[in-house]
Amino acid sequence: MLEERGEIPIEIVSEEEMSVIEAAFSLTFAGHPLSLGDIEDGNGITLTKTNQSSSSLLRRFKNRTGLFVTDITSTDWCEKQKEFFLICGNPKPTKAMKAGTARHALLEQELITKVEVVLTSPEEHWALKMISFIHGTNQLILDGLTRELPLIGFAEDVCMVGIIDEVRMKAGTITLVETKTRSQNNLPSEPQQRNGRLQLMCYKYLWDNLLAHPFPTQHFLQLFNLNPDYMLSQEIREFAIQSGAPLQTLNDVLGKYQYVCSMLPETQDQLLLRYEYQEDQSLIGENQYLYDSDWVTDKIRSSLEFWNGEREANYAPENERWKCKHCKYAPRCPINTITTTAQT
């Protein structure tokens, strides 16, 4: 699998970091939250200043990348914390974050060999992800297993991107798997487990939509202002050939991606969430649960209201305010002022 140079995969690995980590990749062409003008991102792409006072968070921070699945799960954890994260930037990676990232890299290396490639355009960025998906689904059909499968779909006309930890196929049955690593040798609290369930259900939501509806190529091109006739680099074209698809342009990739998505096997409603102990990679426990279409649809719609600026950010529910003790933005959060005033 080709890997974008400069891409930093970060996994949500513990309760206190669950909603402050950006999506599994910090995409090459995303605008910096604190950008005050035009800057160069080192890959030949100019990042342009946006009118932050009048545009939604989606347009301000995700107009080049779409939403990540972890953008949905982090708002379910605490929308106000996510708002602070977008405006103030990333917290420094903790030891637990680094351990989680390293573990997922090892799991991926068991099946996939990565080679760095320099991307020079948004067209190549998106093409690479789609070809990686095609490559991963080929591996799934042949070997019954693939890992770190990138998935690009839509929810309510909003582009959403995710990376599925593991996809298993046995006797034609597809199972989606998510592995969480923990610094403590015990299962997390219910809010963390709920967050993990939501993440996996979002993957199935996107997967099912790709089966039910053709990937909207024209809408996708217009959304990110992409040139369908863009000629891909030699590196990417060679990677496409390795995936069994001699693709030359972005339009070729989109057509193949749409076709492969339409031919995907259905995933079973039983989803698998695994927890590993970081110290020795031992299994803490596995939870299987059924997909709840209504629940995940409501969660996504609620999150999109926040992202689209249709309402103000919500705070964590009162019975989950213990999250504030682990939040790096707590000292400046208005909820603490409200709570202190009420107590006095």
C-alpha atoms as a PDB file:
ATOM      1  CA  MET A   1       0.000   0.000   0.000  1.00  0.00           C
ATOM      2  CA  LEU A   2       1.262   3.440  -0.824  1.00  0.00           C
ATOM      3  CA  GLU A   3       1.438   5.893   2.031  1.00  0.00           C
ATOM      4  CA  GLU A   4       1.151   9.667   1.881  1.00  0.00           C
ATOM      5  CA  ARG A   5       4.294  11.379   3.074  1.00  0.00           C
ATOM      6  CA  GLY A   6       3.471  13.582   6.026  1.00  0.00           C
ATOM      7  CA  GLU A   7       0.376  11.579   6.944  1.00  0.00           C
ATOM      8  CA  ILE A   8       0.193  10.958  10.698  1.00  0.00           C
ATOM      9  CA  PRO A   9      -2.153   8.106  11.673  1.00  0.00           C
ATOM     10  CA  ILE A  10      -3.372   8.639  15.253  1.00  0.00           C
ATOM     11  CA  GLU A  11      -5.749   6.208  16.918  1.00  0.00           C
ATOM     12  CA  ILE A  12      -8.179   6.966  19.723  1.00  0.00           C
ATOM     13  CA  VAL A  13      -6.656   4.838  22.446  1.00  0.00           C
ATOM     14  CA  SER A  14      -7.879   5.949  25.857  1.00  0.00           C
ATOM     15  CA  GLU A  15     -10.813   7.580  27.527  1.00  0.00           C
ATOM     16  CA  GLU A  16      -9.221  10.932  28.256  1.00  0.00           C
ATOM     17  CA  GLU A  17      -8.033  11.406  24.671  1.00  0.00           C
ATOM     18  CA  MET A  18     -11.057   9.916  22.952  1.00  0.00           C
ATOM     19  CA  SER A  19     -12.491  13.106  21.556  1.00  0.00           C
ATOM     20  CA  VAL A  20      -9.448  15.326  21.264  1.00  0.00           C
ATOM     21  CA  ILE A  21      -7.535  13.314  18.693  1.00  0.00           C
ATOM     22  CA  GLU A  22      -8.117  14.260  15.094  1.00  0.00           C
ATOM     23  CA  ALA A  23      -9.234  11.626  12.658  1.00  0.00           C
ATOM     24  CA  ALA A  24      -7.097   8.639  11.895  1.00  0.00           C
ATOM     25  CA  PHE A  25      -5.124  10.671   9.419  1.00  0.00           C
ATOM     26  CA  SER A  26      -4.153  14.322   9.425  1.00  0.00           C
ATOM     27  CA  LEU A  27      -4.698  14.677   5.710  1.00  0.00           C
ATOM     28  CA  THR A  28      -2.074  16.382   3.629  1.00  0.00           C
ATOM     29  CA  PHE A  29      -4.395  18.968   2.124  1.00  0.00           C
ATOM     30  CA  ALA A  30      -6.356  20.049   5.200  1.00  0.00           C
ATOM     31  CA  GLY A  31      -6.260  23.724   6.150  1.00  0.00           C
ATOM     32  CA  HIS A  32      -4.592  24.552   9.445  1.00  0.00           C
ATOM     33  CA  PRO A  33      -7.121  25.634  12.114  1.00  0.00           C
ATOM     34  CA  LEU A  34      -5.149  28.728  13.027  1.00  0.00           C
ATOM     35  CA  SER A  35      -4.331  29.862   9.495  1.00  0.00           C
ATOM     36  CA  LEU A  36      -4.548  33.630   9.122  1.00  0.00           C
ATOM     37  CA  GLY A  37      -3.526  33.852   5.509  1.00  0.00           C
ATOM     38  CA  ASP A  38      -2.248  31.995   2.518  1.00  0.00           C
ATOM     39  CA  ILE A  39       0.488  29.526   3.424  1.00  0.00           C
ATOM     40  CA  GLU A  40       2.307  26.757   1.616  1.00  0.00           C
ATOM     41  CA  ASP A  41       1.868  23.258   3.039  1.00  0.00           C
ATOM     42  CA  GLY A  42       5.062  21.826   1.557  1.00  0.00           C
ATOM     43  CA  ASN A  43       3.296  19.783  -1.108  1.00  0.00           C
ATOM     44  CA  GLY A  44       2.660  22.495  -3.662  1.00  0.00           C
ATOM     45  CA  ILE A  45      -0.848  23.231  -2.373  1.00  0.00           C
ATOM     46  CA  THR A  46      -1.856  26.701  -1.235  1.00  0.00           C
ATOM     47  CA  LEU A  47      -4.084  26.878   1.811  1.00  0.00           C
ATOM     48  CA  THR A  48      -6.331  29.892   1.621  1.00  0.00           C
ATOM     49  CA  LYS A  49      -7.701  31.988   4.459  1.00  0.00           C
ATOM     50  CA  THR A  50     -11.397  31.471   5.167  1.00  0.00           C
ATOM     51  CA  ASN A  51     -13.917  33.792   6.766  1.00  0.00           C
ATOM     52  CA  GLN A  52     -14.098  31.983  10.094  1.00  0.00           C
ATOM     53  CA  SER A  53     -16.717  34.301  11.552  1.00  0.00           C
ATOM     54  CA  SER A  54     -19.356  33.507   8.917  1.00  0.00           C
ATOM     55  CA  SER A  55     -18.778  29.897   7.864  1.00  0.00           C
ATOM     56  CA  SER A  56     -19.639  26.623   9.557  1.00  0.00           C
ATOM     57  CA  LEU A  57     -17.033  24.437  11.203  1.00  0.00           C
ATOM     58  CA  LEU A  58     -17.444  22.033   8.312  1.00  0.00           C
ATOM     59  CA  ARG A  59     -16.468  24.694   5.783  1.00  0.00           C
ATOM     60  CA  ARG A  60     -13.795  26.245   7.969  1.00  0.00           C
ATOM     61  CA  PHE A  61     -11.917  23.082   8.825  1.00  0.00           C
ATOM     62  CA  LYS A  62     -13.072  20.243   6.582  1.00  0.00           C
ATOM     63  CA  ASN A  63     -13.681  21.818   3.188  1.00  0.00           C
ATOM     64  CA  ARG A  64     -10.676  19.993   1.673  1.00  0.00           C
ATOM     65  CA  THR A  65     -10.930  16.668   3.482  1.00  0.00           C
ATOM     66  CA  GLY A  66     -14.546  15.924   4.297  1.00  0.00           C
ATOM     67  CA  LEU A  67     -15.490  14.676   7.748  1.00  0.00           C
ATOM     68  CA  PHE A  68     -13.686  11.776   9.329  1.00  0.00           C
ATOM     69  CA  VAL A  69     -15.645   9.112  11.166  1.00  0.00           C
ATOM     70  CA  THR A  70     -13.744  10.149  14.284  1.00  0.00           C
ATOM     71  CA  ASP A  71     -15.151  13.659  13.801  1.00  0.00           C
ATOM     72  CA  ILE A  72     -18.544  12.068  14.477  1.00  0.00           C
ATOM     73  CA  THR A  73     -17.410  10.011  17.455  1.00  0.00           C
ATOM     74  CA  SER A  74     -15.549  12.926  19.051  1.00  0.00           C
ATOM     75  CA  THR A  75     -18.627  15.147  18.931  1.00  0.00           C
ATOM     76  CA  ASP A  76     -20.609  12.373  20.608  1.00  0.00           C
ATOM     77  CA  TRP A  77     -18.016  12.493  23.380  1.00  0.00           C
ATOM     78  CA  CYS A  78     -18.223  16.272  23.813  1.00  0.00           C
ATOM     79  CA  GLU A  79     -19.016  18.815  21.114  1.00  0.00           C
ATOM     80  CA  LYS A  80     -17.533  21.702  23.089  1.00  0.00           C
ATOM     81  CA  GLN A  81     -14.237  19.862  23.443  1.00  0.00           C
ATOM     82  CA  LYS A  82     -14.203  19.235  19.688  1.00  0.00           C
ATOM     83  CA  GLU A  83     -14.857  22.923  19.056  1.00  0.00           C
ATOM     84  CA  PHE A  84     -11.885  23.849  21.283  1.00  0.00           C
ATOM     85  CA  PHE A  85      -9.749  21.261  19.518  1.00  0.00           C
ATOM     86  CA  LEU A  86     -10.510  22.730  16.094  1.00  0.00           C
ATOM     87  CA  ILE A  87      -9.797  26.297  17.166  1.00  0.00           C
ATOM     88  CA  CYS A  88      -6.827  25.675  19.456  1.00  0.00           C
ATOM     89  CA  GLY A  89      -5.124  22.845  17.603  1.00  0.00           C
ATOM     90  CA  ASN A  90      -3.845  19.393  18.504  1.00  0.00           C
ATOM     91  CA  PRO A  91      -2.725  18.469  21.991  1.00  0.00           C
ATOM     92  CA  LYS A  92       0.706  16.868  22.200  1.00  0.00           C
ATOM     93  CA  PRO A  93       0.631  13.087  21.678  1.00  0.00           C
ATOM     94  CA  THR A  94       0.711  11.210  24.977  1.00  0.00           C
ATOM     95  CA  LYS A  95       2.559   7.972  25.696  1.00  0.00           C
ATOM     96  CA  ALA A  96      -0.729   6.087  25.353  1.00  0.00           C
ATOM     97  CA  MET A  97      -1.440   7.650  21.954  1.00  0.00           C
ATOM     98  CA  LYS A  98       2.015   6.733  20.671  1.00  0.00           C
ATOM     99  CA  ALA A  99       1.655   3.173  21.940  1.00  0.00           C
ATOM    100  CA  GLY A 100      -1.715   2.820  20.241  1.00  0.00           C
ATOM    101  CA  THR A 101      -0.350   4.140  16.971  1.00  0.00           C
ATOM    102  CA  ALA A 102       2.623   1.757  17.112  1.00  0.00           C
ATOM    103  CA  ARG A 103       0.375  -1.249  17.786  1.00  0.00           C
ATOM    104  CA  HIS A 104      -1.872  -0.481  14.822  1.00  0.00           C
ATOM    105  CA  ALA A 105       1.176  -0.060  12.609  1.00  0.00           C
ATOM    106  CA  LEU A 106       2.343  -3.553  13.609  1.00  0.00           C
ATOM    107  CA  LEU A 107      -1.062  -5.064  12.889  1.00  0.00           C
ATOM    108  CA  GLU A 108      -1.116  -3.399   9.493  1.00  0.00           C
ATOM    109  CA  GLN A 109       2.412  -4.578   8.647  1.00  0.00           C
ATOM    110  CA  GLU A 110       1.307  -8.199   9.104  1.00  0.00           C
ATOM    111  CA  LEU A 111      -0.721  -7.844   5.896  1.00  0.00           C
ATOM    112  CA  ILE A 112       0.413  -4.700   4.085  1.00  0.00           C
ATOM    113  CA  THR A 113       3.729  -3.284   2.932  1.00  0.00           C
ATOM    114  CA  LYS A 114       3.731   0.502   2.793  1.00  0.00           C
ATOM    115  CA  VAL A 115       5.778   2.640   0.446  1.00  0.00           C
ATOM    116  CA  GLU A 116       5.965   6.410   0.787  1.00  0.00           C
ATOM    117  CA  VAL A 117       4.848   8.527  -2.143  1.00  0.00           C
ATOM    118  CA  VAL A 118       4.912  12.299  -2.558  1.00  0.00           C
ATOM    119  CA  LEU A 119       1.512  13.663  -3.541  1.00  0.00           C
ATOM    120  CA  THR A 120       1.393  16.905  -5.481  1.00  0.00           C
ATOM    121  CA  SER A 121      -2.351  17.507  -5.812  1.00  0.00           C
ATOM    122  CA  PRO A 122      -5.701  16.865  -4.156  1.00  0.00           C
ATOM    123  CA  GLU A 123      -6.584  14.647  -7.146  1.00  0.00           C
ATOM    124  CA  GLU A 124      -3.691  12.324  -6.306  1.00  0.00           C
ATOM    125  CA  HIS A 125      -4.596  12.365  -2.631  1.00  0.00           C
ATOM    126  CA  TRP A 126      -8.132  11.121  -3.281  1.00  0.00           C
ATOM    127  CA  ALA A 127      -7.047   8.718  -6.022  1.00  0.00           C
ATOM    128  CA  LEU A 128      -4.549   7.088  -3.679  1.00  0.00           C
ATOM    129  CA  LYS A 129      -7.180   6.465  -1.031  1.00  0.00           C
ATOM    130  CA  MET A 130      -9.601   4.962  -3.532  1.00  0.00           C
ATOM    131  CA  ILE A 131      -6.943   2.730  -5.101  1.00  0.00           C
ATOM    132  CA  SER A 132      -5.919   1.623  -1.589  1.00  0.00           C
ATOM    133  CA  PHE A 133      -9.543   0.665  -1.011  1.00  0.00           C
ATOM    134  CA  ILE A 134      -9.608  -1.322  -4.264  1.00  0.00           C
ATOM    135  CA  HIS A 135      -6.350  -3.037  -3.278  1.00  0.00           C
ATOM    136  CA  GLY A 136      -7.751  -3.845   0.174  1.00  0.00           C
ATOM    137  CA  THR A 137     -10.979  -5.327  -1.158  1.00  0.00           C
ATOM    138  CA  ASN A 138      -8.959  -7.511  -3.546  1.00  0.00           C
ATOM    139  CA  GLN A 139      -6.976  -8.764  -0.561  1.00  0.00           C
ATOM    140  CA  LEU A 140     -10.221  -9.382   1.322  1.00  0.00           C
ATOM    141  CA  ILE A 141     -11.632 -11.531  -1.486  1.00  0.00           C
ATOM    142  CA  LEU A 142      -8.405 -13.509  -1.922  1.00  0.00           C
ATOM    143  CA  ASP A 143      -7.288 -13.935   1.704  1.00  0.00           C
ATOM    144  CA  GLY A 144     -10.464 -13.375   3.698  1.00  0.00           C
ATOM    145  CA  LEU A 145      -8.822 -10.550   5.652  1.00  0.00           C
ATOM    146  CA  THR A 146      -7.639  -6.973   5.192  1.00  0.00           C
ATOM    147  CA  ARG A 147      -6.672  -4.185   7.581  1.00  0.00           C
ATOM    148  CA  GLU A 148      -6.638  -0.388   7.611  1.00  0.00           C
ATOM    149  CA  LEU A 149      -9.155  -0.223   4.774  1.00  0.00           C
ATOM    150  CA  PRO A 150      -9.876   3.385   3.719  1.00  0.00           C
ATOM    151  CA  LEU A 151     -13.526   4.085   3.032  1.00  0.00           C
ATOM    152  CA  ILE A 152     -14.989   7.174   1.339  1.00  0.00           C
ATOM    153  CA  GLY A 153     -18.737   7.717   1.359  1.00  0.00           C
ATOM    154  CA  PHE A 154     -21.471  10.228   2.003  1.00  0.00           C
ATOM    155  CA  ALA A 155     -23.879  10.980   4.827  1.00  0.00           C
ATOM    156  CA  GLU A 156     -26.572  13.602   4.241  1.00  0.00           C
ATOM    157  CA  ASP A 157     -24.591  14.889   1.205  1.00  0.00           C
ATOM    158  CA  VAL A 158     -21.496  15.352   3.385  1.00  0.00           C
ATOM    159  CA  CYS A 159     -18.367  13.454   2.378  1.00  0.00           C
ATOM    160  CA  MET A 160     -17.178  11.169   5.159  1.00  0.00           C
ATOM    161  CA  VAL A 161     -13.869   9.285   5.357  1.00  0.00           C
ATOM    162  CA  GLY A 162     -12.926   6.399   7.611  1.00  0.00           C
ATOM    163  CA  ILE A 163     -10.330   3.680   8.013  1.00  0.00           C
ATOM    164  CA  ILE A 164     -11.711   0.304   9.085  1.00  0.00           C
ATOM    165  CA  ASP A 165      -9.237  -1.445  11.382  1.00  0.00           C
ATOM    166  CA  GLU A 166     -10.019  -4.906  10.108  1.00  0.00           C
ATOM    167  CA  VAL A 167     -12.449  -6.561   7.703  1.00  0.00           C
ATOM    168  CA  ARG A 168     -12.911 -10.332   7.828  1.00  0.00           C
ATOM    169  CA  MET A 169     -14.676 -12.557   5.337  1.00  0.00           C
ATOM    170  CA  LYS A 170     -15.611 -16.162   6.064  1.00  0.00           C
ATOM    171  CA  ALA A 171     -17.972 -18.219   3.916  1.00  0.00           C
ATOM    172  CA  GLY A 172     -19.024 -15.034   2.139  1.00  0.00           C
ATOM    173  CA  THR A 173     -19.907 -13.257   5.390  1.00  0.00           C
ATOM    174  CA  ILE A 174     -18.225  -9.890   6.067  1.00  0.00           C
ATOM    175  CA  THR A 175     -17.434  -8.779   9.636  1.00  0.00           C
ATOM    176  CA  LEU A 176     -16.192  -5.290  10.547  1.00  0.00           C
ATOM    177  CA  VAL A 177     -13.720  -5.179  13.438  1.00  0.00           C
ATOM    178  CA  GLU A 178     -12.331  -2.306  15.512  1.00  0.00           C
ATOM    179  CA  THR A 179      -9.381  -2.754  17.891  1.00  0.00           C
ATOM    180  CA  LYS A 180      -8.780  -0.325  20.736  1.00  0.00           C
ATOM    181  CA  THR A 181      -5.563  -0.377  22.737  1.00  0.00           C
ATOM    182  CA  ARG A 182      -5.613   0.565  26.425  1.00  0.00           C
ATOM    183  CA  SER A 183      -2.966   1.587  28.931  1.00  0.00           C
ATOM    184  CA  GLN A 184      -4.986  -0.112  31.685  1.00  0.00           C
ATOM    185  CA  ASN A 185      -5.692  -3.837  31.733  1.00  0.00           C
ATOM    186  CA  ASN A 186      -9.468  -3.519  31.987  1.00  0.00           C
ATOM    187  CA  LEU A 187     -12.461  -2.684  29.853  1.00  0.00           C
ATOM    188  CA  PRO A 188     -13.322   1.022  29.487  1.00  0.00           C
ATOM    189  CA  SER A 189     -16.401   2.689  30.913  1.00  0.00           C
ATOM    190  CA  GLU A 190     -19.722   2.593  29.094  1.00  0.00           C
ATOM    191  CA  PRO A 191     -19.286   6.024  27.420  1.00  0.00           C
ATOM    192  CA  GLN A 192     -15.997   4.848  25.886  1.00  0.00           C
ATOM    193  CA  GLN A 193     -17.552   1.582  24.752  1.00  0.00           C
ATOM    194  CA  ARG A 194     -20.466   3.535  23.293  1.00  0.00           C
ATOM    195  CA  ASN A 195     -17.973   5.653  21.385  1.00  0.00           C
ATOM    196  CA  GLY A 196     -16.346   2.545  19.949  1.00  0.00           C
ATOM    197  CA  ARG A 197     -19.725   1.120  18.954  1.00  0.00           C
ATOM    198  CA  LEU A 198     -20.586   4.363  17.205  1.00  0.00           C
ATOM    199  CA  GLN A 199     -17.314   4.297  15.269  1.00  0.00           C
ATOM    200  CA  LEU A 200     -17.941   0.795  13.949  1.00  0.00           C
ATOM    201  CA  MET A 201     -21.576   1.549  13.153  1.00  0.00           C
ATOM    202  CA  CYS A 202     -20.489   4.580  11.126  1.00  0.00           C
ATOM    203  CA  TYR A 203     -18.280   2.291   9.043  1.00  0.00           C
ATOM    204  CA  LYS A 204     -21.187  -0.041   8.389  1.00  0.00           C
ATOM    205  CA  TYR A 205     -23.447   2.936   7.647  1.00  0.00           C
ATOM    206  CA  LEU A 206     -21.012   4.100   4.946  1.00  0.00           C
ATOM    207  CA  TRP A 207     -20.471   0.560   3.637  1.00  0.00           C
ATOM    208  CA  ASP A 208     -24.212  -0.081   3.332  1.00  0.00           C
ATOM    209  CA  ASN A 209     -24.787   3.261   1.590  1.00  0.00           C
ATOM    210  CA  LEU A 210     -22.097   2.443  -0.976  1.00  0.00           C
ATOM    211  CA  LEU A 211     -23.947  -0.783  -1.765  1.00  0.00           C
ATOM    212  CA  ALA A 212     -27.375   0.827  -1.883  1.00  0.00           C
ATOM    213  CA  HIS A 213     -26.512   3.968  -3.886  1.00  0.00           C
ATOM    214  CA  PRO A 214     -23.923   4.610  -6.630  1.00  0.00           C
ATOM    215  CA  PHE A 215     -20.998   6.679  -5.408  1.00  0.00           C
ATOM    216  CA  PRO A 216     -21.898  10.291  -6.434  1.00  0.00           C
ATOM    217  CA  THR A 217     -18.870  11.032  -8.589  1.00  0.00           C
ATOM    218  CA  GLN A 218     -20.091  14.368  -9.967  1.00  0.00           C
ATOM    219  CA  HIS A 219     -21.067  15.666  -6.537  1.00  0.00           C
ATOM    220  CA  PHE A 220     -17.704  14.508  -5.192  1.00  0.00           C
ATOM    221  CA  LEU A 221     -15.784  16.301  -7.957  1.00  0.00           C
ATOM    222  CA  GLN A 222     -17.736  19.526  -7.455  1.00  0.00           C
ATOM    223  CA  LEU A 223     -17.470  19.379  -3.674  1.00  0.00           C
ATOM    224  CA  PHE A 224     -13.667  19.371  -3.723  1.00  0.00           C
ATOM    225  CA  ASN A 225     -13.203  21.219  -7.029  1.00  0.00           C
ATOM    226  CA  LEU A 226     -11.318  18.315  -8.607  1.00  0.00           C
ATOM    227  CA  ASN A 227     -10.251  17.835 -12.213  1.00  0.00           C
ATOM    228  CA  PRO A 228     -11.548  14.437 -13.419  1.00  0.00           C
ATOM    229  CA  ASP A 229      -9.036  14.384 -16.306  1.00  0.00           C
ATOM    230  CA  TYR A 230      -6.024  14.871 -14.021  1.00  0.00           C
ATOM    231  CA  MET A 231      -3.244  12.456 -15.064  1.00  0.00           C
ATOM    232  CA  LEU A 232      -1.933  10.498 -12.093  1.00  0.00           C
ATOM    233  CA  SER A 233       1.755  10.162 -11.296  1.00  0.00           C
ATOM    234  CA  GLN A 234       3.733   7.143 -12.474  1.00  0.00           C
ATOM    235  CA  GLU A 235       3.968   5.836  -8.888  1.00  0.00           C
ATOM    236  CA  ILE A 236       0.222   5.864  -8.417  1.00  0.00           C
ATOM    237  CA  ARG A 237      -0.451   4.354 -11.847  1.00  0.00           C
ATOM    238  CA  GLU A 238       1.929   1.502 -11.018  1.00  0.00           C
ATOM    239  CA  PHE A 239       0.171   0.942  -7.698  1.00  0.00           C
ATOM    240  CA  ALA A 240      -3.146   0.813  -9.559  1.00  0.00           C
ATOM    241  CA  ILE A 241      -1.752  -1.869 -11.882  1.00  0.00           C
ATOM    242  CA  GLN A 242      -0.709  -3.909  -8.832  1.00  0.00           C
ATOM    243  CA  SER A 243      -4.340  -3.697  -7.735  1.00  0.00           C
ATOM    244  CA  GLY A 244      -5.438  -5.119 -11.078  1.00  0.00           C
ATOM    245  CA  ALA A 245      -6.717  -1.801 -12.400  1.00  0.00           C
ATOM    246  CA  PRO A 246      -4.727   0.065 -15.107  1.00  0.00           C
ATOM    247  CA  LEU A 247      -5.969   3.525 -14.172  1.00  0.00           C
ATOM    248  CA  GLN A 248      -4.586   6.692 -15.721  1.00  0.00           C
ATOM    249  CA  THR A 249      -6.777   9.597 -14.567  1.00  0.00           C
ATOM    250  CA  LEU A 250      -8.833  10.533 -11.531  1.00  0.00           C
ATOM    251  CA  ASN A 251     -11.956   9.855 -13.588  1.00  0.00           C
ATOM    252  CA  ASP A 252     -10.727   6.308 -14.226  1.00  0.00           C
ATOM    253  CA  VAL A 253     -10.254   5.827 -10.494  1.00  0.00           C
ATOM    254  CA  LEU A 254     -13.713   7.180  -9.675  1.00  0.00           C
ATOM    255  CA  GLY A 255     -15.327   4.845 -12.184  1.00  0.00           C
ATOM    256  CA  LYS A 256     -13.497   1.837 -10.778  1.00  0.00           C
ATOM    257  CA  TYR A 257     -14.234   2.862  -7.197  1.00  0.00           C
ATOM    258  CA  GLN A 258     -17.926   3.226  -7.985  1.00  0.00           C
ATOM    259  CA  TYR A 259     -17.984  -0.200  -9.620  1.00  0.00           C
ATOM    260  CA  VAL A 260     -16.109  -1.948  -6.806  1.00  0.00           C
ATOM    261  CA  CYS A 261     -18.384  -0.355  -4.207  1.00  0.00           C
ATOM    262  CA  SER A 262     -21.466  -1.592  -6.071  1.00  0.00           C
ATOM    263  CA  MET A 263     -20.068  -5.141  -5.982  1.00  0.00           C
ATOM    264  CA  LEU A 264     -19.168  -5.204  -2.284  1.00  0.00           C
ATOM    265  CA  PRO A 265     -20.482  -8.120  -0.246  1.00  0.00           C
ATOM    266  CA  GLU A 266     -22.971  -7.149   2.434  1.00  0.00           C
ATOM    267  CA  THR A 267     -21.649  -6.909   5.979  1.00  0.00           C
ATOM    268  CA  GLN A 268     -23.370  -8.786   8.743  1.00  0.00           C
ATOM    269  CA  ASP A 269     -25.178  -6.830  11.450  1.00  0.00           C
ATOM    270  CA  GLN A 270     -22.956  -8.390  14.131  1.00  0.00           C
ATOM    271  CA  LEU A 271     -20.006  -6.039  14.743  1.00  0.00           C
ATOM    272  CA  LEU A 272     -16.877  -6.799  16.757  1.00  0.00           C
ATOM    273  CA  LEU A 273     -15.101  -4.385  19.123  1.00  0.00           C
ATOM    274  CA  ARG A 274     -11.812  -5.616  20.612  1.00  0.00           C
ATOM    275  CA  TYR A 275      -9.700  -4.211  23.471  1.00  0.00           C
ATOM    276  CA  GLU A 276      -5.975  -4.920  23.831  1.00  0.00           C
ATOM    277  CA  TYR A 277      -3.615  -4.167  26.711  1.00  0.00           C
ATOM    278  CA  GLN A 278      -0.822  -1.950  25.399  1.00  0.00           C
ATOM    279  CA  GLU A 279       1.915  -3.420  27.560  1.00  0.00           C
ATOM    280  CA  ASP A 280       1.851  -6.930  26.059  1.00  0.00           C
ATOM    281  CA  GLN A 281      -0.849  -6.797  23.340  1.00  0.00           C
ATOM    282  CA  SER A 282      -2.926  -9.330  25.296  1.00  0.00           C
ATOM    283  CA  LEU A 283      -6.670  -9.384  24.713  1.00  0.00           C
ATOM    284  CA  ILE A 284      -8.651  -7.652  27.437  1.00  0.00           C
ATOM    285  CA  GLY A 285     -12.007  -8.525  25.951  1.00  0.00           C
ATOM    286  CA  GLU A 286     -14.217  -8.615  22.888  1.00  0.00           C
ATOM    287  CA  ASN A 287     -17.712  -7.190  22.573  1.00  0.00           C
ATOM    288  CA  GLN A 288     -20.110  -8.241  19.834  1.00  0.00           C
ATOM    289  CA  TYR A 289     -23.242  -6.212  19.238  1.00  0.00           C
ATOM    290  CA  LEU A 290     -25.901  -5.690  16.607  1.00  0.00           C
ATOM    291  CA  TYR A 291     -25.970  -2.785  14.193  1.00  0.00           C
ATOM    292  CA  ASP A 292     -28.658  -0.229  15.037  1.00  0.00           C
ATOM    293  CA  SER A 293     -29.468   1.752  11.886  1.00  0.00           C
ATOM    294  CA  ASP A 294     -31.836   4.219  13.583  1.00  0.00           C
ATOM    295  CA  TRP A 295     -29.416   4.945  16.417  1.00  0.00           C
ATOM    296  CA  VAL A 296     -26.372   5.612  14.230  1.00  0.00           C
ATOM    297  CA  THR A 297     -28.413   7.671  11.755  1.00  0.00           C
ATOM    298  CA  ASP A 298     -29.660   9.881  14.597  1.00  0.00           C
ATOM    299  CA  LYS A 299     -26.112  10.265  15.933  1.00  0.00           C
ATOM    300  CA  ILE A 300     -24.755  11.288  12.525  1.00  0.00           C
ATOM    301  CA  ARG A 301     -27.569  13.771  11.918  1.00  0.00           C
ATOM    302  CA  SER A 302     -27.079  15.353  15.327  1.00  0.00           C
ATOM    303  CA  SER A 303     -23.348  15.677  14.717  1.00  0.00           C
ATOM    304  CA  LEU A 304     -23.935  17.244  11.300  1.00  0.00           C
ATOM    305  CA  GLU A 305     -26.158  19.890  12.914  1.00  0.00           C
ATOM    306  CA  PHE A 306     -23.111  20.893  14.958  1.00  0.00           C
ATOM    307  CA  TRP A 307     -20.723  20.767  11.998  1.00  0.00           C
ATOM    308  CA  ASN A 308     -23.074  22.704   9.715  1.00  0.00           C
ATOM    309  CA  GLY A 309     -23.495  25.490  12.274  1.00  0.00           C
ATOM    310  CA  GLU A 310     -27.201  24.846  12.775  1.00  0.00           C
ATOM    311  CA  ARG A 311     -26.794  25.067  16.546  1.00  0.00           C
ATOM    312  CA  GLU A 312     -24.240  25.818  19.253  1.00  0.00           C
ATOM    313  CA  ALA A 313     -21.932  23.104  20.572  1.00  0.00           C
ATOM    314  CA  ASN A 314     -23.373  20.961  23.354  1.00  0.00           C
ATOM    315  CA  TYR A 315     -21.449  20.139  26.525  1.00  0.00           C
ATOM    316  CA  ALA A 316     -20.973  16.612  27.831  1.00  0.00           C
ATOM    317  CA  PRO A 317     -24.128  15.324  29.575  1.00  0.00           C
ATOM    318  CA  GLU A 318     -24.275  16.185  33.242  1.00  0.00           C
ATOM    319  CA  ASN A 319     -23.840  12.559  34.318  1.00  0.00           C
ATOM    320  CA  GLU A 320     -20.660  12.370  32.199  1.00  0.00           C
ATOM    321  CA  ARG A 321     -18.979  15.573  33.376  1.00  0.00           C
ATOM    322  CA  TRP A 322     -16.160  13.456  34.794  1.00  0.00           C
ATOM    323  CA  LYS A 323     -14.757  13.753  31.273  1.00  0.00           C
ATOM    324  CA  CYS A 324     -13.890  17.370  32.097  1.00  0.00           C
ATOM    325  CA  LYS A 325     -11.241  16.177  34.570  1.00  0.00           C
ATOM    326  CA  HIS A 326      -9.287  14.732  31.650  1.00  0.00           C
ATOM    327  CA  CYS A 327      -9.946  17.549  29.186  1.00  0.00           C
ATOM    328  CA  LYS A 328      -7.030  19.798  28.284  1.00  0.00           C
ATOM    329  CA  TYR A 329      -9.430  22.638  27.495  1.00  0.00           C
ATOM    330  CA  ALA A 330     -11.324  22.524  30.798  1.00  0.00           C
ATOM    331  CA  PRO A 331      -9.710  25.681  32.287  1.00  0.00           C
ATOM    332  CA  ARG A 332     -11.160  27.841  29.506  1.00  0.00           C
ATOM    333  CA  CYS A 333     -14.470  26.000  29.079  1.00  0.00           C
ATOM    334  CA  PRO A 334     -17.596  28.037  29.940  1.00  0.00           C
ATOM    335  CA  ILE A 335     -19.227  25.024  31.622  1.00  0.00           C
ATOM    336  CA  ASN A 336     -16.765  25.344  34.485  1.00  0.00           C
ATOM    337  CA  THR A 337     -17.784  28.972  35.005  1.00  0.00           C
ATOM    338  CA  ILE A 338     -21.432  27.963  34.946  1.00  0.00           C
ATOM    339  CA  THR A 339     -20.848  25.129  37.433  1.00  0.00           C
ATOM    340  CA  THR A 340     -18.787  27.312  39.797  1.00  0.00           C
ATOM    341  CA  THR A 341     -21.435  30.063  39.742  1.00  0.00           C
ATOM    342  CA  ALA A 342     -24.187  27.571  40.486  1.00  0.00           C
ATOM    343  CA  GLN A 343     -22.272  26.153  43.440  1.00  0.00           C
ATOM    344  CA  THR A 344     -21.710  29.587  44.970  1.00  0.00           C
END
